[in-house]
Amino acid sequence: MEQFHSIKYKTSGRKAYITLNRPERLNAIDLYMPFEIAKAVEQANSDGGVHVIVLQGEGRSFCSGYDLKEFAESGLGTQPKVWDPIKDFSAMKTFSDSFFSLFRSLKPTICKIQGHAVAGGSDIALSCDLVIMANNAKIGYPPARVWGCPTTAMWIYRLGVEKAKRMLLTGDVIDGKEAARIGLVLESVEAEKLDERVDELASRISSVPTNQLIMQKLMINQAVENQGLNSSQVLASLFDGIARHSPEGRWFQNLAAQEGFHKAVEWRDSGKDIPEGGKSEA
């Protein structure tokens, strides 16, 4: 059995459960998590007894995004003044490909969201085939305001052009009810019914033979691939690196390093002007 650092893996009946397991950091993404998700998906696909995969988060949140204490405060992933875009692209594309193992998994994947699925956490969640949220859970991509671009590019494929622009031009966060209403996720339920609803859906899917599940999923996924998904992800991964190394991106990282990531995030999400050229009195 594979040993994991930042996730847990178990099977029960015809279901595999992948659990993000950094609850003390609201399951924020560290350097282990992307690759461990991909490894767990591979394990589930190799297990003939597994028909469906459930992705969930330990504790009160699904995933709060990349761990900004590691990445923003410490500068991990931010290169010196002379920036190598291909080095950055290679790292970010590897991360997004690991998340996207959930989409490209032969077996169906269901994401269960309580608390938050924001920034990189939304990239992980939206890589799943089906997403069920608690009504009071929150989803969004705040780094669209500064310091990021969603590398899986799934907002456009789930929402269409105008609604994707509405979310990514503001960086707003919405609750489960709104996410279901606009079609970003499949369903939203009362928080106390979330586990029951996800288990009900997983059980319904798990009763179908794996060959049928795989054929249906491959056919639907191919339609999305035909729309240019891979090229969108290449562009998004390049833009993510540019966003973190632009003058504004460096301003955000410097603010996090000097005053803590909470201060930087508070400014980013407040609606205050983000300084053009990265120059401010922050």
Protein backbone atom coordinates (compact mmCIF):
# COMPACT_ATOMS: atom_id res chain seq x y z
CA MET A 1 0.00 0.00 0.00
CA GLU A 2 1.32 3.43 -1.00
CA GLN A 3 2.31 5.67 1.92
CA PHE A 4 1.14 9.27 1.62
CA HIS A 5 2.24 12.50 3.28
CA SER A 6 -0.59 14.97 2.54
CA ILE A 7 -3.56 12.77 1.60
CA LYS A 8 -5.26 9.61 2.82
CA TYR A 9 -6.53 6.79 0.62
CA LYS A 10 -8.99 4.01 1.37
CA THR A 11 -11.54 1.83 -0.38
CA SER A 12 -14.95 0.71 0.77
CA GLY A 13 -17.09 -1.52 -1.39
CA ARG A 14 -16.83 -0.28 -4.98
CA LYS A 15 -15.68 3.21 -3.92
CA ALA A 16 -12.24 4.72 -3.42
CA TYR A 17 -11.86 7.73 -1.13
CA ILE A 18 -9.06 10.26 -1.59
CA THR A 19 -8.92 12.65 1.37
CA LEU A 20 -6.81 15.80 1.42
CA ASN A 21 -5.20 15.57 4.83
CA ARG A 22 -3.74 18.85 6.03
CA PRO A 23 -6.70 20.04 8.15
CA GLU A 24 -4.53 22.30 10.30
CA ARG A 25 -3.82 24.31 7.11
CA LEU A 26 -7.36 23.93 5.70
CA ASN A 27 -5.88 21.31 3.36
CA ALA A 28 -3.73 23.92 1.62
CA ILE A 29 -1.67 22.51 -1.25
CA ASP A 30 1.96 21.71 -0.45
CA LEU A 31 4.63 20.21 -2.69
CA TYR A 32 3.45 16.66 -1.96
CA MET A 33 -0.30 16.94 -2.54
CA PRO A 34 -0.55 17.25 -6.37
CA PHE A 35 1.60 14.18 -7.00
CA GLU A 36 -0.09 12.16 -4.26
CA ILE A 37 -3.51 12.89 -5.74
CA ALA A 38 -2.28 11.56 -9.10
CA LYS A 39 -0.78 8.49 -7.43
CA ALA A 40 -4.01 7.75 -5.58
CA VAL A 41 -6.04 8.11 -8.79
CA GLU A 42 -3.66 5.67 -10.48
CA GLN A 43 -4.11 3.26 -7.58
CA ALA A 44 -7.90 3.45 -7.82
CA ASN A 45 -7.83 2.92 -11.58
CA SER A 46 -5.63 -0.14 -11.13
CA ASP A 47 -8.01 -1.67 -8.60
CA GLY A 48 -10.61 -3.81 -10.38
CA GLY A 49 -12.92 -3.54 -7.39
CA VAL A 50 -13.19 0.26 -7.57
CA HIS A 51 -15.93 1.76 -9.75
CA VAL A 52 -15.98 5.39 -8.54
CA ILE A 53 -13.60 7.79 -6.76
CA VAL A 54 -14.72 10.30 -4.11
CA LEU A 55 -12.39 13.24 -3.43
CA GLN A 56 -12.86 15.04 -0.12
CA GLY A 57 -11.06 17.15 2.46
CA GLU A 58 -10.39 16.38 6.11
CA GLY A 59 -11.80 18.85 8.63
CA ARG A 60 -13.78 22.01 8.06
CA SER A 61 -12.63 22.89 4.52
CA PHE A 62 -12.08 21.03 1.28
CA CYS A 63 -9.02 23.05 0.18
CA SER A 64 -7.93 26.65 0.72
CA GLY A 65 -5.60 26.70 -2.30
CA TYR A 66 -1.83 26.71 -2.42
CA ASP A 67 -0.27 27.13 1.01
CA LEU A 68 0.57 30.83 0.91
CA LYS A 69 2.70 30.51 4.03
CA GLU A 70 5.01 28.29 1.97
CA PHE A 71 4.60 29.87 -1.46
CA ALA A 72 3.93 33.57 -0.80
CA GLU A 73 5.55 34.33 2.54
CA SER A 74 8.69 32.28 1.88
CA GLY A 75 8.86 33.03 -1.84
CA LEU A 76 8.80 29.35 -2.83
CA GLY A 77 8.12 29.29 -6.57
CA THR A 78 9.02 32.96 -7.10
CA GLN A 79 12.17 33.28 -9.17
CA PRO A 80 14.80 36.03 -8.98
CA LYS A 81 14.62 39.16 -11.12
CA VAL A 82 15.77 37.27 -14.22
CA TRP A 83 12.84 34.90 -14.69
CA ASP A 84 12.99 31.60 -16.59
CA PRO A 85 9.42 31.15 -17.89
CA ILE A 86 9.96 27.58 -19.09
CA LYS A 87 11.24 26.43 -15.71
CA ASP A 88 8.14 27.94 -14.13
CA PHE A 89 5.84 26.50 -16.80
CA SER A 90 7.28 23.01 -16.35
CA ALA A 91 6.56 23.07 -12.62
CA MET A 92 3.05 24.49 -12.89
CA LYS A 93 2.04 22.25 -15.80
CA THR A 94 3.18 19.24 -13.76
CA PHE A 95 0.99 20.39 -10.86
CA SER A 96 -2.06 20.99 -13.06
CA ASP A 97 -1.54 17.66 -14.87
CA SER A 98 -1.53 15.98 -11.46
CA PHE A 99 -4.82 17.64 -10.52
CA PHE A 100 -6.20 16.74 -13.93
CA SER A 101 -5.58 13.06 -13.30
CA LEU A 102 -9.05 13.34 -11.73
CA PHE A 103 -10.54 14.43 -15.06
CA ARG A 104 -8.56 11.92 -17.11
CA SER A 105 -9.13 9.09 -14.66
CA LEU A 106 -10.88 6.25 -16.45
CA LYS A 107 -13.19 5.89 -13.47
CA PRO A 108 -15.66 8.64 -12.49
CA THR A 109 -14.64 11.17 -9.85
CA ILE A 110 -16.90 13.05 -7.43
CA CYS A 111 -15.72 16.02 -5.38
CA LYS A 112 -17.35 16.84 -2.03
CA ILE A 113 -16.91 20.46 -0.90
CA GLN A 114 -17.42 21.78 2.59
CA GLY A 115 -15.93 25.03 3.84
CA HIS A 116 -13.85 26.36 0.95
CA ALA A 117 -12.57 25.33 -2.48
CA VAL A 118 -10.70 28.45 -3.49
CA ALA A 119 -7.74 29.32 -5.72
CA GLY A 120 -5.80 26.10 -6.39
CA GLY A 121 -8.45 24.26 -4.39
CA SER A 122 -10.99 25.18 -7.05
CA ASP A 123 -8.59 23.84 -9.71
CA ILE A 124 -8.60 20.49 -7.91
CA ALA A 125 -12.37 20.43 -7.38
CA LEU A 126 -13.27 21.43 -10.93
CA SER A 127 -11.02 18.68 -12.31
CA CYS A 128 -13.53 16.14 -11.00
CA ASP A 129 -16.41 14.88 -13.12
CA LEU A 130 -19.09 15.84 -10.61
CA VAL A 131 -18.99 18.37 -7.77
CA ILE A 132 -21.40 18.51 -4.83
CA MET A 133 -21.17 21.48 -2.45
CA ALA A 134 -22.65 22.39 0.88
CA ASN A 135 -24.95 25.39 0.54
CA ASN A 136 -22.71 27.46 2.80
CA ALA A 137 -19.41 26.34 1.22
CA LYS A 138 -17.45 28.85 -0.87
CA ILE A 139 -15.77 28.50 -4.25
CA GLY A 140 -13.83 30.98 -6.37
CA TYR A 141 -10.47 31.98 -7.75
CA PRO A 142 -9.36 35.15 -5.87
CA PRO A 143 -5.81 35.05 -7.36
CA ALA A 144 -7.42 36.15 -10.63
CA ARG A 145 -7.16 39.62 -9.03
CA VAL A 146 -3.38 39.32 -8.68
CA TRP A 147 -0.77 36.52 -8.59
CA GLY A 148 -2.53 33.77 -10.51
CA CYS A 149 -4.43 32.23 -13.41
CA PRO A 150 -6.43 28.97 -13.05
CA THR A 151 -4.16 26.44 -14.73
CA THR A 152 -6.79 23.76 -15.39
CA ALA A 153 -8.94 26.31 -17.29
CA MET A 154 -12.10 24.49 -16.24
CA TRP A 155 -14.10 27.64 -15.47
CA ILE A 156 -14.78 28.26 -19.17
CA TYR A 157 -15.74 24.64 -19.90
CA ARG A 158 -18.19 24.52 -17.01
CA LEU A 159 -19.66 28.03 -17.20
CA GLY A 160 -19.33 29.31 -20.75
CA VAL A 161 -17.75 32.60 -21.79
CA GLU A 162 -19.72 35.30 -19.96
CA LYS A 163 -20.10 33.61 -16.58
CA ALA A 164 -16.44 32.55 -16.61
CA LYS A 165 -15.47 36.17 -17.28
CA ARG A 166 -17.76 37.33 -14.48
CA MET A 167 -15.88 35.11 -12.02
CA LEU A 168 -12.32 35.60 -13.27
CA LEU A 169 -12.49 39.34 -13.93
CA THR A 170 -13.52 39.93 -10.31
CA GLY A 171 -11.94 37.07 -8.36
CA ASP A 172 -15.21 36.85 -6.43
CA VAL A 173 -16.09 33.89 -4.24
CA ILE A 174 -19.63 32.47 -4.33
CA ASP A 175 -21.53 30.00 -2.15
CA GLY A 176 -22.74 26.55 -3.06
CA LYS A 177 -26.26 27.67 -3.93
CA GLU A 178 -24.99 30.23 -6.43
CA ALA A 179 -22.41 27.82 -7.84
CA ALA A 180 -25.15 25.27 -8.53
CA ARG A 181 -27.49 27.91 -9.94
CA ILE A 182 -24.98 29.05 -12.57
CA GLY A 183 -23.89 25.51 -13.43
CA LEU A 184 -20.38 25.58 -11.96
CA VAL A 185 -21.16 22.54 -9.82
CA LEU A 186 -23.78 19.82 -10.09
CA GLU A 187 -25.64 20.31 -6.83
CA SER A 188 -25.71 22.18 -3.54
CA VAL A 189 -27.24 20.71 -0.39
CA GLU A 190 -27.55 21.55 3.29
CA ALA A 191 -24.21 20.97 5.02
CA GLU A 192 -25.58 18.22 7.25
CA LYS A 193 -26.79 16.30 4.17
CA LEU A 194 -23.56 16.61 2.17
CA ASP A 195 -22.02 13.26 3.12
CA GLU A 196 -25.33 11.45 2.55
CA ARG A 197 -25.89 12.99 -0.89
CA VAL A 198 -22.36 12.28 -2.10
CA ASP A 199 -22.57 8.70 -0.88
CA GLU A 200 -25.96 8.28 -2.57
CA LEU A 201 -24.59 9.50 -5.91
CA ALA A 202 -21.40 7.44 -5.59
CA SER A 203 -23.46 4.32 -4.81
CA ARG A 204 -25.69 4.89 -7.83
CA ILE A 205 -22.65 5.23 -10.13
CA SER A 206 -20.82 2.31 -8.54
CA SER A 207 -23.63 -0.09 -9.48
CA VAL A 208 -22.75 0.38 -13.19
CA PRO A 209 -20.10 -1.93 -14.75
CA THR A 210 -16.70 -0.26 -15.06
CA ASN A 211 -16.55 -0.78 -18.83
CA GLN A 212 -19.79 1.17 -19.25
CA LEU A 213 -18.57 3.96 -16.94
CA ILE A 214 -15.27 4.24 -18.80
CA MET A 215 -16.88 4.37 -22.25
CA GLN A 216 -19.35 7.11 -21.27
CA LYS A 217 -16.67 9.17 -19.57
CA LEU A 218 -14.17 8.86 -22.42
CA MET A 219 -16.79 9.90 -24.97
CA ILE A 220 -17.81 13.01 -22.99
CA ASN A 221 -14.21 13.95 -22.17
CA GLN A 222 -13.22 13.69 -25.81
CA ALA A 223 -15.83 16.28 -26.72
CA VAL A 224 -14.18 18.69 -24.26
CA GLU A 225 -10.69 17.81 -25.51
CA ASN A 226 -11.87 18.58 -29.05
CA GLN A 227 -12.68 22.13 -27.92
CA GLY A 228 -8.99 22.80 -27.30
CA LEU A 229 -8.70 21.98 -23.61
CA ASN A 230 -5.00 21.11 -23.71
CA SER A 231 -3.97 24.31 -25.49
CA SER A 232 -6.07 26.33 -23.02
CA GLN A 233 -4.21 24.70 -20.15
CA VAL A 234 -0.81 25.40 -21.73
CA LEU A 235 -1.72 29.08 -22.07
CA ALA A 236 -3.17 29.22 -18.53
CA SER A 237 -0.03 27.65 -17.04
CA LEU A 238 2.17 30.18 -18.84
CA PHE A 239 -0.06 33.06 -17.72
CA ASP A 240 0.01 31.79 -14.13
CA GLY A 241 3.79 32.12 -14.12
CA ILE A 242 3.62 35.57 -15.70
CA ALA A 243 1.04 36.66 -13.10
CA ARG A 244 3.35 35.67 -10.26
CA HIS A 245 6.39 37.43 -11.80
CA SER A 246 4.71 40.58 -13.09
CA PRO A 247 5.38 43.81 -11.14
CA GLU A 248 2.00 43.39 -9.46
CA GLY A 249 2.66 39.72 -8.68
CA ARG A 250 6.03 40.57 -7.12
CA TRP A 251 4.34 43.33 -5.10
CA PHE A 252 1.88 40.76 -3.72
CA GLN A 253 4.63 38.29 -2.84
CA ASN A 254 6.75 41.02 -1.22
CA LEU A 255 3.77 42.17 0.85
CA ALA A 256 3.20 38.59 1.99
CA ALA A 257 6.89 38.17 2.84
CA GLN A 258 7.05 41.42 4.78
CA GLU A 259 3.68 41.49 6.55
CA GLY A 260 2.37 37.92 6.25
CA PHE A 261 0.15 36.29 3.66
CA HIS A 262 -3.02 37.20 5.59
CA LYS A 263 -2.26 40.90 5.03
CA ALA A 264 -1.59 40.31 1.33
CA VAL A 265 -4.79 38.29 0.88
CA GLU A 266 -6.80 40.88 2.82
CA TRP A 267 -5.64 43.59 0.39
CA ARG A 268 -6.19 41.38 -2.67
CA ASP A 269 -9.74 40.45 -1.74
CA SER A 270 -10.85 43.79 -0.26
CA GLY A 271 -11.66 45.53 -3.54
CA LYS A 272 -8.99 48.18 -2.93
CA ASP A 273 -7.01 49.12 -6.00
CA ILE A 274 -4.12 46.77 -6.67
CA PRO A 275 -1.20 49.05 -7.53
CA GLU A 276 -0.29 49.16 -11.21
CA GLY A 277 3.40 48.43 -11.66
CA GLY A 278 3.55 47.06 -8.13
CA LYS A 279 4.29 50.42 -6.53
CA SER A 280 2.51 51.32 -3.30
CA GLU A 281 3.08 52.39 0.27
CA ALA A 282 1.91 49.00 1.63
